[in-house]
Amino acid sequence: MMQSNEGATSEEILKVPVPPRRFGPLKQEWMEIFKIVFEQMKIDIRMNLKSHMVELRTKADTSDVSNLQRCAHFVGAFVLGFNVADANVLTLDDGICIESFQCANFETPEGTTVHHGLTRLSDEEKVEIEMATNTRIVIEGKRLHILGSPANIEAARRIICKFIIRFGQEAPRVSSEQRPSIVKWTDLTCSLCFCLGLCSER
């Protein structure tokens, strides 16, 4: 996602590509993003309309060069679809990250092919999972992006698997006490996890 470039000076530059679908939101939220990057993190920022990239560069008064990487992660999170407030956590806490997964079609133990079920997840269910696992989730077609600590991301994607495979049954309840270690997995769940890249079992 990010490209790095170092010139003859001591300045360091990172570039974050912006897809056309995110131009509108980026324009609307630009001043909020600018305040965080330029004023708080002391990093230069500009949108290069020709290359369709947000360019980030250290300044003379940049106190910590690692702020450049943090800002790149912040902008990258916004580009993926997270709002400014949620994405800003990446500038404040190095223990927070984003994991992205591709949800492909999978086959049940009975031999039935099931199309990816991320569209089955309602907004209410998504918020319920986010609240229970202290994460933020963005669903984009067959792509799933989860922001949070590694342990919380693991918990969130396990619960998402349970929602996807319910096949019209009553939605499973989510509690903040759920952890991956206490979930019992069926062959069907493992098949879905394999498609999401969660495990290597089949």
N, C-alpha and C. Protein backbone atom coordinates (compact mmCIF):
# COMPACT_ATOMS: atom_id res chain seq x y z
N MET A 1 0.81 -1.20 0.00
CA MET A 1 0.00 0.00 0.00
C MET A 1 0.86 1.26 0.00
N MET A 2 1.96 1.25 0.76
CA MET A 2 2.77 2.45 0.92
C MET A 2 4.07 2.34 0.15
N GLN A 3 4.50 3.44 -0.43
CA GLN A 3 5.75 3.50 -1.14
C GLN A 3 6.67 4.46 -0.44
N SER A 4 7.97 4.10 -0.40
CA SER A 4 8.94 4.92 0.32
C SER A 4 9.93 5.54 -0.65
N ASN A 5 10.43 6.73 -0.31
CA ASN A 5 11.40 7.40 -1.15
C ASN A 5 12.26 8.31 -0.30
N GLU A 6 13.56 8.26 -0.49
CA GLU A 6 14.47 9.15 0.22
C GLU A 6 15.27 9.94 -0.80
N GLY A 7 15.24 11.26 -0.69
CA GLY A 7 15.97 12.10 -1.61
C GLY A 7 17.38 12.36 -1.12
N ALA A 8 18.00 13.40 -1.69
CA ALA A 8 19.38 13.72 -1.32
C ALA A 8 19.43 14.35 0.08
N THR A 9 18.29 14.91 0.52
CA THR A 9 18.27 15.52 1.84
C THR A 9 17.92 14.47 2.87
N SER A 10 17.78 14.93 4.13
CA SER A 10 17.45 14.02 5.21
C SER A 10 15.95 13.75 5.29
N GLU A 11 15.18 14.40 4.41
CA GLU A 11 13.74 14.20 4.42
C GLU A 11 13.40 12.78 3.99
N GLU A 12 12.38 12.23 4.62
CA GLU A 12 11.87 10.91 4.24
C GLU A 12 10.44 11.06 3.77
N ILE A 13 10.08 10.29 2.76
CA ILE A 13 8.76 10.41 2.15
C ILE A 13 8.10 9.04 2.06
N LEU A 14 6.81 9.00 2.38
CA LEU A 14 5.99 7.82 2.16
C LEU A 14 4.77 8.24 1.35
N LYS A 15 4.34 7.34 0.45
CA LYS A 15 3.19 7.63 -0.40
C LYS A 15 2.12 6.55 -0.22
N VAL A 16 0.87 7.00 -0.09
CA VAL A 16 -0.26 6.09 0.10
C VAL A 16 -1.20 6.22 -1.09
N PRO A 17 -1.36 5.18 -1.91
CA PRO A 17 -2.28 5.24 -3.05
C PRO A 17 -3.73 5.40 -2.58
N VAL A 18 -4.51 6.17 -3.33
CA VAL A 18 -5.92 6.39 -3.00
C VAL A 18 -6.78 5.94 -4.19
N PRO A 19 -7.63 4.92 -4.00
CA PRO A 19 -8.50 4.48 -5.09
C PRO A 19 -9.59 5.52 -5.36
N PRO A 20 -10.12 5.55 -6.57
CA PRO A 20 -11.12 6.57 -6.94
C PRO A 20 -12.32 6.62 -5.98
N ARG A 21 -12.74 5.47 -5.47
CA ARG A 21 -13.93 5.43 -4.60
C ARG A 21 -13.71 6.19 -3.29
N ARG A 22 -12.45 6.46 -2.92
CA ARG A 22 -12.17 7.14 -1.66
C ARG A 22 -11.80 8.61 -1.84
N PHE A 23 -11.82 9.10 -3.10
CA PHE A 23 -11.52 10.51 -3.34
C PHE A 23 -12.52 11.43 -2.63
N GLY A 24 -13.81 11.11 -2.77
CA GLY A 24 -14.85 11.93 -2.16
C GLY A 24 -14.72 12.00 -0.65
N PRO A 25 -14.68 10.85 0.04
CA PRO A 25 -14.51 10.89 1.50
C PRO A 25 -13.23 11.59 1.93
N LEU A 26 -12.15 11.39 1.18
CA LEU A 26 -10.87 12.03 1.53
C LEU A 26 -10.99 13.54 1.44
N LYS A 27 -11.66 14.03 0.41
CA LYS A 27 -11.86 15.47 0.25
C LYS A 27 -12.69 16.03 1.39
N GLN A 28 -13.74 15.31 1.78
CA GLN A 28 -14.62 15.77 2.84
C GLN A 28 -13.91 15.83 4.20
N GLU A 29 -13.04 14.86 4.45
CA GLU A 29 -12.38 14.76 5.75
C GLU A 29 -10.95 15.30 5.74
N TRP A 30 -10.56 15.98 4.66
CA TRP A 30 -9.17 16.39 4.51
C TRP A 30 -8.67 17.26 5.66
N MET A 31 -9.47 18.23 6.10
CA MET A 31 -9.00 19.13 7.14
C MET A 31 -8.78 18.40 8.46
N GLU A 32 -9.63 17.42 8.77
CA GLU A 32 -9.42 16.63 9.99
C GLU A 32 -8.14 15.80 9.89
N ILE A 33 -7.94 15.20 8.73
CA ILE A 33 -6.71 14.41 8.50
C ILE A 33 -5.49 15.32 8.56
N PHE A 34 -5.60 16.51 7.95
CA PHE A 34 -4.50 17.47 7.94
C PHE A 34 -4.11 17.88 9.35
N LYS A 35 -5.10 18.14 10.20
CA LYS A 35 -4.81 18.56 11.57
C LYS A 35 -4.03 17.49 12.33
N ILE A 36 -4.43 16.25 12.14
CA ILE A 36 -3.75 15.16 12.85
C ILE A 36 -2.33 14.98 12.35
N VAL A 37 -2.18 14.94 11.03
CA VAL A 37 -0.87 14.65 10.44
C VAL A 37 0.08 15.84 10.56
N PHE A 38 -0.38 17.02 10.15
CA PHE A 38 0.50 18.19 10.09
C PHE A 38 0.69 18.85 11.44
N GLU A 39 -0.41 19.08 12.15
CA GLU A 39 -0.32 19.84 13.39
C GLU A 39 0.09 18.98 14.59
N GLN A 40 -0.46 17.78 14.70
CA GLN A 40 -0.16 16.94 15.86
C GLN A 40 1.10 16.11 15.67
N MET A 41 1.23 15.47 14.50
CA MET A 41 2.36 14.56 14.26
C MET A 41 3.56 15.24 13.61
N LYS A 42 3.39 16.51 13.20
CA LYS A 42 4.48 17.29 12.59
C LYS A 42 5.03 16.62 11.33
N ILE A 43 4.11 16.18 10.49
CA ILE A 43 4.46 15.56 9.21
C ILE A 43 3.78 16.33 8.09
N ASP A 44 4.53 16.66 7.04
CA ASP A 44 3.95 17.32 5.87
C ASP A 44 3.04 16.34 5.13
N ILE A 45 1.92 16.84 4.61
CA ILE A 45 1.00 15.99 3.87
C ILE A 45 0.42 16.77 2.69
N ARG A 46 0.29 16.08 1.57
CA ARG A 46 -0.38 16.69 0.42
C ARG A 46 -0.98 15.58 -0.44
N MET A 47 -2.00 15.94 -1.22
CA MET A 47 -2.61 15.00 -2.15
C MET A 47 -2.07 15.29 -3.53
N ASN A 48 -1.41 14.30 -4.14
CA ASN A 48 -0.91 14.42 -5.51
C ASN A 48 -1.99 13.92 -6.46
N LEU A 49 -2.70 14.85 -7.10
CA LEU A 49 -3.82 14.49 -7.96
C LEU A 49 -3.37 13.76 -9.22
N LYS A 50 -2.14 14.00 -9.64
CA LYS A 50 -1.66 13.35 -10.85
C LYS A 50 -1.38 11.87 -10.63
N SER A 51 -0.75 11.55 -9.48
CA SER A 51 -0.40 10.15 -9.18
C SER A 51 -1.46 9.45 -8.33
N HIS A 52 -2.47 10.23 -7.87
CA HIS A 52 -3.53 9.69 -7.00
C HIS A 52 -2.94 9.08 -5.73
N MET A 53 -2.04 9.82 -5.11
CA MET A 53 -1.42 9.37 -3.88
C MET A 53 -1.38 10.49 -2.85
N VAL A 54 -1.53 10.10 -1.60
CA VAL A 54 -1.27 11.03 -0.50
C VAL A 54 0.21 10.92 -0.17
N GLU A 55 0.91 12.05 -0.20
CA GLU A 55 2.35 12.06 0.05
C GLU A 55 2.62 12.62 1.44
N LEU A 56 3.43 11.90 2.19
CA LEU A 56 3.78 12.27 3.56
C LEU A 56 5.29 12.47 3.64
N ARG A 57 5.71 13.51 4.35
CA ARG A 57 7.15 13.82 4.41
C ARG A 57 7.51 14.39 5.77
N THR A 58 8.65 13.97 6.27
CA THR A 58 9.14 14.52 7.53
C THR A 58 9.52 15.99 7.34
N LYS A 59 9.45 16.74 8.46
CA LYS A 59 9.81 18.15 8.43
C LYS A 59 10.98 18.39 9.37
N ALA A 60 11.48 19.61 9.35
CA ALA A 60 12.60 19.96 10.22
C ALA A 60 12.22 19.83 11.70
N ASP A 61 10.95 20.08 12.01
CA ASP A 61 10.52 20.01 13.41
C ASP A 61 9.83 18.70 13.76
N THR A 62 9.99 17.68 12.91
CA THR A 62 9.44 16.37 13.23
C THR A 62 10.26 15.77 14.36
N SER A 63 9.65 15.61 15.52
CA SER A 63 10.38 15.17 16.70
C SER A 63 10.74 13.69 16.66
N ASP A 64 9.89 12.89 16.00
CA ASP A 64 10.09 11.44 15.96
C ASP A 64 9.86 10.97 14.53
N VAL A 65 10.91 10.43 13.91
CA VAL A 65 10.79 10.01 12.51
C VAL A 65 9.79 8.87 12.34
N SER A 66 9.52 8.13 13.41
CA SER A 66 8.54 7.04 13.33
C SER A 66 7.11 7.58 13.15
N ASN A 67 6.93 8.87 13.39
CA ASN A 67 5.62 9.48 13.15
C ASN A 67 5.22 9.37 11.68
N LEU A 68 6.22 9.34 10.81
CA LEU A 68 5.95 9.22 9.38
C LEU A 68 5.22 7.92 9.07
N GLN A 69 5.73 6.82 9.63
CA GLN A 69 5.10 5.51 9.42
C GLN A 69 3.72 5.46 10.07
N ARG A 70 3.60 6.05 11.25
CA ARG A 70 2.30 6.05 11.92
C ARG A 70 1.26 6.81 11.09
N CYS A 71 1.67 7.93 10.52
CA CYS A 71 0.74 8.71 9.70
C CYS A 71 0.37 7.96 8.42
N ALA A 72 1.33 7.24 7.87
CA ALA A 72 1.03 6.44 6.67
C ALA A 72 0.02 5.35 6.99
N HIS A 73 0.16 4.73 8.15
CA HIS A 73 -0.81 3.72 8.57
C HIS A 73 -2.19 4.36 8.80
N PHE A 74 -2.19 5.54 9.39
CA PHE A 74 -3.43 6.27 9.64
C PHE A 74 -4.17 6.59 8.33
N VAL A 75 -3.44 7.16 7.39
CA VAL A 75 -4.05 7.49 6.09
C VAL A 75 -4.47 6.21 5.36
N GLY A 76 -3.64 5.19 5.44
CA GLY A 76 -3.96 3.91 4.81
C GLY A 76 -5.24 3.31 5.36
N ALA A 77 -5.44 3.45 6.67
CA ALA A 77 -6.66 2.93 7.30
C ALA A 77 -7.88 3.69 6.80
N PHE A 78 -7.76 5.00 6.67
CA PHE A 78 -8.87 5.79 6.15
C PHE A 78 -9.19 5.38 4.72
N VAL A 79 -8.17 5.16 3.92
CA VAL A 79 -8.36 4.74 2.53
C VAL A 79 -9.11 3.41 2.46
N LEU A 80 -8.87 2.53 3.43
CA LEU A 80 -9.55 1.23 3.45
C LEU A 80 -11.03 1.36 3.80
N GLY A 81 -11.40 2.50 4.43
CA GLY A 81 -12.81 2.70 4.76
C GLY A 81 -13.10 3.01 6.21
N PHE A 82 -12.09 3.02 7.07
CA PHE A 82 -12.30 3.37 8.47
C PHE A 82 -12.47 4.88 8.60
N ASN A 83 -13.27 5.33 9.58
CA ASN A 83 -13.44 6.76 9.74
C ASN A 83 -12.20 7.36 10.41
N VAL A 84 -12.12 8.69 10.42
CA VAL A 84 -10.93 9.38 10.90
C VAL A 84 -10.66 9.06 12.37
N ALA A 85 -11.70 9.07 13.20
CA ALA A 85 -11.52 8.84 14.63
C ALA A 85 -10.96 7.45 14.91
N ASP A 86 -11.48 6.44 14.22
CA ASP A 86 -10.99 5.08 14.43
C ASP A 86 -9.57 4.91 13.88
N ALA A 87 -9.33 5.44 12.69
CA ALA A 87 -8.01 5.32 12.07
C ALA A 87 -6.93 6.04 12.87
N ASN A 88 -7.32 7.10 13.57
CA ASN A 88 -6.35 7.90 14.34
C ASN A 88 -5.70 7.10 15.46
N VAL A 89 -6.34 6.02 15.89
CA VAL A 89 -5.75 5.17 16.94
C VAL A 89 -4.37 4.67 16.51
N LEU A 90 -4.17 4.51 15.21
CA LEU A 90 -2.89 4.00 14.70
C LEU A 90 -1.75 5.00 14.91
N THR A 91 -2.06 6.26 15.15
CA THR A 91 -1.01 7.25 15.44
C THR A 91 -0.70 7.30 16.93
N LEU A 92 -1.56 6.69 17.74
CA LEU A 92 -1.43 6.80 19.19
C LEU A 92 -0.93 5.52 19.87
N ASP A 93 -1.20 4.38 19.25
CA ASP A 93 -0.92 3.10 19.90
C ASP A 93 -0.26 2.15 18.90
N ASP A 94 0.99 1.80 19.14
CA ASP A 94 1.71 0.89 18.24
C ASP A 94 1.21 -0.55 18.35
N GLY A 95 0.39 -0.82 19.37
CA GLY A 95 -0.15 -2.17 19.54
C GLY A 95 -1.39 -2.44 18.71
N ILE A 96 -1.86 -1.41 18.00
CA ILE A 96 -3.05 -1.54 17.16
C ILE A 96 -2.62 -1.75 15.71
N CYS A 97 -3.33 -2.62 15.01
CA CYS A 97 -2.99 -2.89 13.61
C CYS A 97 -4.26 -3.20 12.83
N ILE A 98 -4.10 -3.43 11.54
CA ILE A 98 -5.21 -3.80 10.67
C ILE A 98 -4.86 -5.11 9.98
N GLU A 99 -5.81 -6.02 9.96
CA GLU A 99 -5.65 -7.25 9.19
C GLU A 99 -6.77 -7.32 8.16
N SER A 100 -6.41 -7.70 6.93
CA SER A 100 -7.38 -7.80 5.85
C SER A 100 -7.44 -9.24 5.35
N PHE A 101 -8.65 -9.68 4.99
CA PHE A 101 -8.85 -11.05 4.54
C PHE A 101 -9.75 -11.09 3.32
N GLN A 102 -9.53 -12.09 2.49
CA GLN A 102 -10.38 -12.34 1.34
C GLN A 102 -11.31 -13.50 1.68
N CYS A 103 -12.61 -13.26 1.60
CA CYS A 103 -13.57 -14.32 1.89
C CYS A 103 -14.01 -14.95 0.58
N ALA A 104 -13.51 -16.14 0.30
CA ALA A 104 -13.85 -16.83 -0.95
C ALA A 104 -15.04 -17.75 -0.73
N ASN A 105 -15.51 -18.36 -1.82
CA ASN A 105 -16.54 -19.38 -1.68
C ASN A 105 -15.93 -20.60 -0.98
N PHE A 106 -16.74 -21.39 -0.28
CA PHE A 106 -16.22 -22.58 0.38
C PHE A 106 -17.23 -23.70 0.28
N GLU A 107 -16.80 -24.90 0.55
CA GLU A 107 -17.64 -26.08 0.41
C GLU A 107 -17.95 -26.67 1.78
N THR A 108 -19.22 -26.97 2.01
CA THR A 108 -19.64 -27.56 3.28
C THR A 108 -19.27 -29.04 3.29
N PRO A 109 -19.29 -29.69 4.46
CA PRO A 109 -19.01 -31.13 4.53
C PRO A 109 -19.97 -31.96 3.68
N GLU A 110 -21.17 -31.41 3.39
CA GLU A 110 -22.14 -32.13 2.57
C GLU A 110 -21.88 -31.95 1.08
N GLY A 111 -20.87 -31.15 0.73
CA GLY A 111 -20.53 -30.95 -0.67
C GLY A 111 -21.22 -29.78 -1.32
N THR A 112 -21.94 -28.96 -0.54
CA THR A 112 -22.63 -27.81 -1.08
C THR A 112 -21.70 -26.60 -1.10
N THR A 113 -21.65 -25.93 -2.26
CA THR A 113 -20.81 -24.74 -2.38
C THR A 113 -21.58 -23.53 -1.86
N VAL A 114 -20.96 -22.79 -0.97
CA VAL A 114 -21.59 -21.62 -0.38
C VAL A 114 -20.81 -20.38 -0.78
N HIS A 115 -21.51 -19.39 -1.31
CA HIS A 115 -20.85 -18.15 -1.67
C HIS A 115 -20.48 -17.37 -0.41
N HIS A 116 -19.49 -16.52 -0.54
CA HIS A 116 -19.00 -15.79 0.64
C HIS A 116 -20.18 -15.12 1.33
N GLY A 117 -20.18 -15.18 2.65
CA GLY A 117 -21.34 -14.74 3.42
C GLY A 117 -21.18 -13.43 4.14
N LEU A 118 -20.21 -12.59 3.76
CA LEU A 118 -20.04 -11.32 4.45
C LEU A 118 -21.27 -10.44 4.29
N THR A 119 -22.00 -10.60 3.17
CA THR A 119 -23.20 -9.80 2.95
C THR A 119 -24.32 -10.20 3.90
N ARG A 120 -24.18 -11.38 4.53
CA ARG A 120 -25.19 -11.80 5.50
C ARG A 120 -25.10 -11.01 6.81
N LEU A 121 -23.96 -10.38 7.01
CA LEU A 121 -23.70 -9.68 8.27
C LEU A 121 -24.39 -8.31 8.24
N SER A 122 -25.41 -8.13 9.06
CA SER A 122 -26.13 -6.86 9.08
C SER A 122 -25.30 -5.81 9.83
N ASP A 123 -25.69 -4.55 9.66
CA ASP A 123 -24.99 -3.46 10.35
C ASP A 123 -25.10 -3.63 11.87
N GLU A 124 -26.26 -4.06 12.32
CA GLU A 124 -26.46 -4.26 13.76
C GLU A 124 -25.55 -5.35 14.30
N GLU A 125 -25.42 -6.45 13.55
CA GLU A 125 -24.55 -7.55 13.98
C GLU A 125 -23.09 -7.12 13.95
N LYS A 126 -22.72 -6.34 12.95
CA LYS A 126 -21.34 -5.86 12.85
C LYS A 126 -20.99 -5.00 14.06
N VAL A 127 -21.89 -4.10 14.42
CA VAL A 127 -21.66 -3.24 15.58
C VAL A 127 -21.58 -4.07 16.85
N GLU A 128 -22.41 -5.11 16.94
CA GLU A 128 -22.41 -5.98 18.12
C GLU A 128 -21.05 -6.67 18.27
N ILE A 129 -20.50 -7.13 17.15
CA ILE A 129 -19.18 -7.78 17.19
C ILE A 129 -18.10 -6.77 17.56
N GLU A 130 -18.19 -5.57 17.00
CA GLU A 130 -17.21 -4.53 17.30
C GLU A 130 -17.22 -4.18 18.79
N MET A 131 -18.39 -4.06 19.36
CA MET A 131 -18.49 -3.70 20.77
C MET A 131 -17.97 -4.82 21.66
N ALA A 132 -18.25 -6.06 21.29
CA ALA A 132 -17.84 -7.19 22.12
C ALA A 132 -16.33 -7.43 22.07
N THR A 133 -15.71 -7.12 20.93
CA THR A 133 -14.28 -7.43 20.76
C THR A 133 -13.38 -6.19 20.75
N ASN A 134 -13.98 -5.00 20.92
CA ASN A 134 -13.20 -3.76 20.92
C ASN A 134 -12.41 -3.62 19.62
N THR A 135 -13.09 -3.83 18.50
CA THR A 135 -12.48 -3.69 17.19
C THR A 135 -13.36 -2.79 16.33
N ARG A 136 -12.86 -2.46 15.14
CA ARG A 136 -13.66 -1.79 14.12
C ARG A 136 -13.55 -2.63 12.84
N ILE A 137 -14.66 -2.77 12.14
CA ILE A 137 -14.73 -3.68 10.99
C ILE A 137 -15.22 -2.93 9.76
N VAL A 138 -14.56 -3.15 8.64
CA VAL A 138 -15.00 -2.62 7.35
C VAL A 138 -15.17 -3.79 6.39
N ILE A 139 -16.35 -3.88 5.77
CA ILE A 139 -16.62 -4.93 4.80
C ILE A 139 -16.71 -4.29 3.42
N GLU A 140 -15.88 -4.78 2.51
CA GLU A 140 -15.82 -4.23 1.16
C GLU A 140 -15.88 -5.39 0.17
N GLY A 141 -17.09 -5.71 -0.30
CA GLY A 141 -17.24 -6.83 -1.21
C GLY A 141 -16.85 -8.12 -0.51
N LYS A 142 -15.85 -8.80 -1.05
CA LYS A 142 -15.36 -10.04 -0.44
C LYS A 142 -14.20 -9.79 0.52
N ARG A 143 -13.85 -8.51 0.70
CA ARG A 143 -12.75 -8.17 1.58
C ARG A 143 -13.26 -7.76 2.95
N LEU A 144 -12.51 -8.18 3.97
CA LEU A 144 -12.84 -7.88 5.35
C LEU A 144 -11.62 -7.22 5.99
N HIS A 145 -11.80 -6.03 6.53
CA HIS A 145 -10.71 -5.31 7.21
C HIS A 145 -11.09 -5.15 8.68
N ILE A 146 -10.19 -5.55 9.59
CA ILE A 146 -10.46 -5.44 11.02
C ILE A 146 -9.33 -4.65 11.68
N LEU A 147 -9.71 -3.64 12.45
CA LEU A 147 -8.75 -2.80 13.17
C LEU A 147 -8.86 -3.08 14.66
N GLY A 148 -7.72 -3.34 15.28
CA GLY A 148 -7.70 -3.59 16.72
C GLY A 148 -6.39 -4.22 17.13
N SER A 149 -6.32 -4.68 18.37
CA SER A 149 -5.14 -5.41 18.82
C SER A 149 -5.17 -6.79 18.18
N PRO A 150 -4.01 -7.47 18.03
CA PRO A 150 -4.00 -8.80 17.43
C PRO A 150 -4.96 -9.79 18.10
N ALA A 151 -5.02 -9.77 19.43
CA ALA A 151 -5.91 -10.70 20.14
C ALA A 151 -7.37 -10.39 19.87
N ASN A 152 -7.71 -9.11 19.84
CA ASN A 152 -9.09 -8.73 19.59
C ASN A 152 -9.51 -8.99 18.14
N ILE A 153 -8.57 -8.81 17.21
CA ILE A 153 -8.85 -9.13 15.81
C ILE A 153 -9.14 -10.61 15.66
N GLU A 154 -8.34 -11.43 16.34
CA GLU A 154 -8.54 -12.89 16.30
C GLU A 154 -9.94 -13.24 16.82
N ALA A 155 -10.34 -12.63 17.92
CA ALA A 155 -11.66 -12.91 18.50
C ALA A 155 -12.77 -12.47 17.54
N ALA A 156 -12.60 -11.31 16.93
CA ALA A 156 -13.63 -10.79 16.03
C ALA A 156 -13.82 -11.67 14.81
N ARG A 157 -12.75 -12.12 14.20
CA ARG A 157 -12.91 -12.90 12.97
C ARG A 157 -13.45 -14.30 13.26
N ARG A 158 -13.17 -14.83 14.43
CA ARG A 158 -13.75 -16.11 14.81
C ARG A 158 -15.27 -15.98 14.94
N ILE A 159 -15.70 -14.90 15.60
CA ILE A 159 -17.13 -14.69 15.77
C ILE A 159 -17.81 -14.45 14.43
N ILE A 160 -17.14 -13.72 13.55
CA ILE A 160 -17.69 -13.46 12.22
C ILE A 160 -17.93 -14.77 11.48
N CYS A 161 -17.01 -15.72 11.64
CA CYS A 161 -17.20 -17.03 11.03
C CYS A 161 -18.50 -17.67 11.48
N LYS A 162 -18.81 -17.55 12.76
CA LYS A 162 -20.02 -18.15 13.30
C LYS A 162 -21.26 -17.48 12.70
N PHE A 163 -21.20 -16.17 12.50
CA PHE A 163 -22.33 -15.47 11.91
C PHE A 163 -22.53 -15.90 10.45
N ILE A 164 -21.44 -16.03 9.72
CA ILE A 164 -21.54 -16.33 8.29
C ILE A 164 -22.13 -17.70 8.04
N ILE A 165 -21.80 -18.67 8.89
CA ILE A 165 -22.21 -20.06 8.61
C ILE A 165 -23.54 -20.43 9.25
N ARG A 166 -24.30 -19.46 9.76
CA ARG A 166 -25.51 -19.84 10.48
C ARG A 166 -26.62 -20.31 9.54
N PHE A 167 -26.55 -19.94 8.22
CA PHE A 167 -27.50 -20.44 7.21
C PHE A 167 -28.95 -20.28 7.62
N GLY A 168 -29.34 -19.05 7.92
CA GLY A 168 -30.75 -18.78 8.22
C GLY A 168 -31.16 -19.12 9.63
N GLN A 169 -30.26 -19.68 10.42
CA GLN A 169 -30.59 -20.00 11.80
C GLN A 169 -30.58 -18.71 12.63
N GLU A 170 -30.99 -18.82 13.85
CA GLU A 170 -30.97 -17.65 14.72
C GLU A 170 -29.53 -17.19 14.92
N ALA A 171 -29.33 -15.90 14.82
CA ALA A 171 -27.98 -15.36 14.92
C ALA A 171 -27.37 -15.69 16.28
N PRO A 172 -26.09 -16.11 16.30
CA PRO A 172 -25.44 -16.40 17.58
C PRO A 172 -25.29 -15.13 18.40
N ARG A 173 -25.42 -15.25 19.69
CA ARG A 173 -25.25 -14.10 20.57
C ARG A 173 -23.77 -13.85 20.81
N VAL A 174 -23.43 -12.61 20.93
CA VAL A 174 -22.04 -12.23 21.13
C VAL A 174 -21.88 -11.65 22.52
N SER A 175 -20.88 -12.11 23.25
CA SER A 175 -20.60 -11.54 24.57
C SER A 175 -19.14 -11.13 24.62
N SER A 176 -18.83 -10.18 25.48
CA SER A 176 -17.46 -9.68 25.59
C SER A 176 -16.53 -10.72 26.19
N GLU A 177 -17.10 -11.81 26.71
CA GLU A 177 -16.28 -12.85 27.33
C GLU A 177 -15.85 -13.92 26.35
N GLN A 178 -16.37 -13.85 25.10
CA GLN A 178 -16.01 -14.87 24.12
C GLN A 178 -14.54 -14.73 23.74
N ARG A 179 -13.87 -15.85 23.65
CA ARG A 179 -12.48 -15.88 23.24
C ARG A 179 -12.29 -17.06 22.29
N PRO A 180 -11.37 -16.95 21.34
CA PRO A 180 -11.17 -18.04 20.38
C PRO A 180 -10.85 -19.37 21.05
N SER A 181 -10.20 -19.35 22.20
CA SER A 181 -9.75 -20.59 22.84
C SER A 181 -10.91 -21.44 23.36
N ILE A 182 -12.10 -20.84 23.54
CA ILE A 182 -13.21 -21.62 24.09
C ILE A 182 -14.26 -21.96 23.04
N VAL A 183 -13.97 -21.61 21.78
CA VAL A 183 -14.93 -21.90 20.72
C VAL A 183 -14.65 -23.28 20.14
N LYS A 184 -15.67 -24.11 20.01
CA LYS A 184 -15.52 -25.42 19.40
C LYS A 184 -15.80 -25.31 17.91
N TRP A 185 -14.88 -25.80 17.10
CA TRP A 185 -15.01 -25.64 15.66
C TRP A 185 -15.47 -26.92 14.99
N THR A 186 -16.42 -26.79 14.06
CA THR A 186 -16.84 -27.92 13.24
C THR A 186 -16.00 -27.93 11.98
N ASP A 187 -16.13 -28.99 11.18
CA ASP A 187 -15.40 -29.04 9.91
C ASP A 187 -15.80 -27.87 9.01
N LEU A 188 -17.06 -27.47 9.11
CA LEU A 188 -17.55 -26.37 8.29
C LEU A 188 -16.86 -25.07 8.66
N THR A 189 -16.72 -24.84 9.95
CA THR A 189 -16.06 -23.62 10.40
C THR A 189 -14.62 -23.59 9.96
N CYS A 190 -13.93 -24.72 10.08
CA CYS A 190 -12.52 -24.77 9.66
C CYS A 190 -12.41 -24.52 8.17
N SER A 191 -13.39 -25.00 7.40
CA SER A 191 -13.37 -24.77 5.97
C SER A 191 -13.46 -23.28 5.67
N LEU A 192 -14.32 -22.57 6.41
CA LEU A 192 -14.46 -21.14 6.22
C LEU A 192 -13.21 -20.41 6.68
N CYS A 193 -12.65 -20.83 7.81
CA CYS A 193 -11.41 -20.21 8.31
C CYS A 193 -10.30 -20.34 7.27
N PHE A 194 -10.25 -21.48 6.60
CA PHE A 194 -9.21 -21.70 5.59
C PHE A 194 -9.36 -20.68 4.47
N CYS A 195 -10.62 -20.43 4.04
CA CYS A 195 -10.87 -19.47 2.97
C CYS A 195 -10.52 -18.05 3.39
N LEU A 196 -10.70 -17.75 4.68
CA LEU A 196 -10.37 -16.43 5.19
C LEU A 196 -8.90 -16.30 5.55
N GLY A 197 -8.16 -17.42 5.47
CA GLY A 197 -6.75 -17.38 5.85
C GLY A 197 -6.53 -17.41 7.34
N LEU A 198 -7.48 -17.96 8.10
CA LEU A 198 -7.37 -17.94 9.56
C LEU A 198 -6.61 -19.14 10.08
N CYS A 199 -6.63 -20.23 9.35
CA CYS A 199 -5.91 -21.40 9.79
C CYS A 199 -5.52 -22.23 8.57
N SER A 200 -4.68 -23.23 8.77
CA SER A 200 -4.19 -24.04 7.66
C SER A 200 -4.86 -25.41 7.62
N GLU A 201 -5.81 -25.64 8.54
CA GLU A 201 -6.47 -26.93 8.57
C GLU A 201 -7.56 -27.01 7.51
N ARG A 202 -7.90 -28.22 7.12
CA ARG A 202 -8.91 -28.40 6.10
C ARG A 202 -9.79 -29.56 6.46
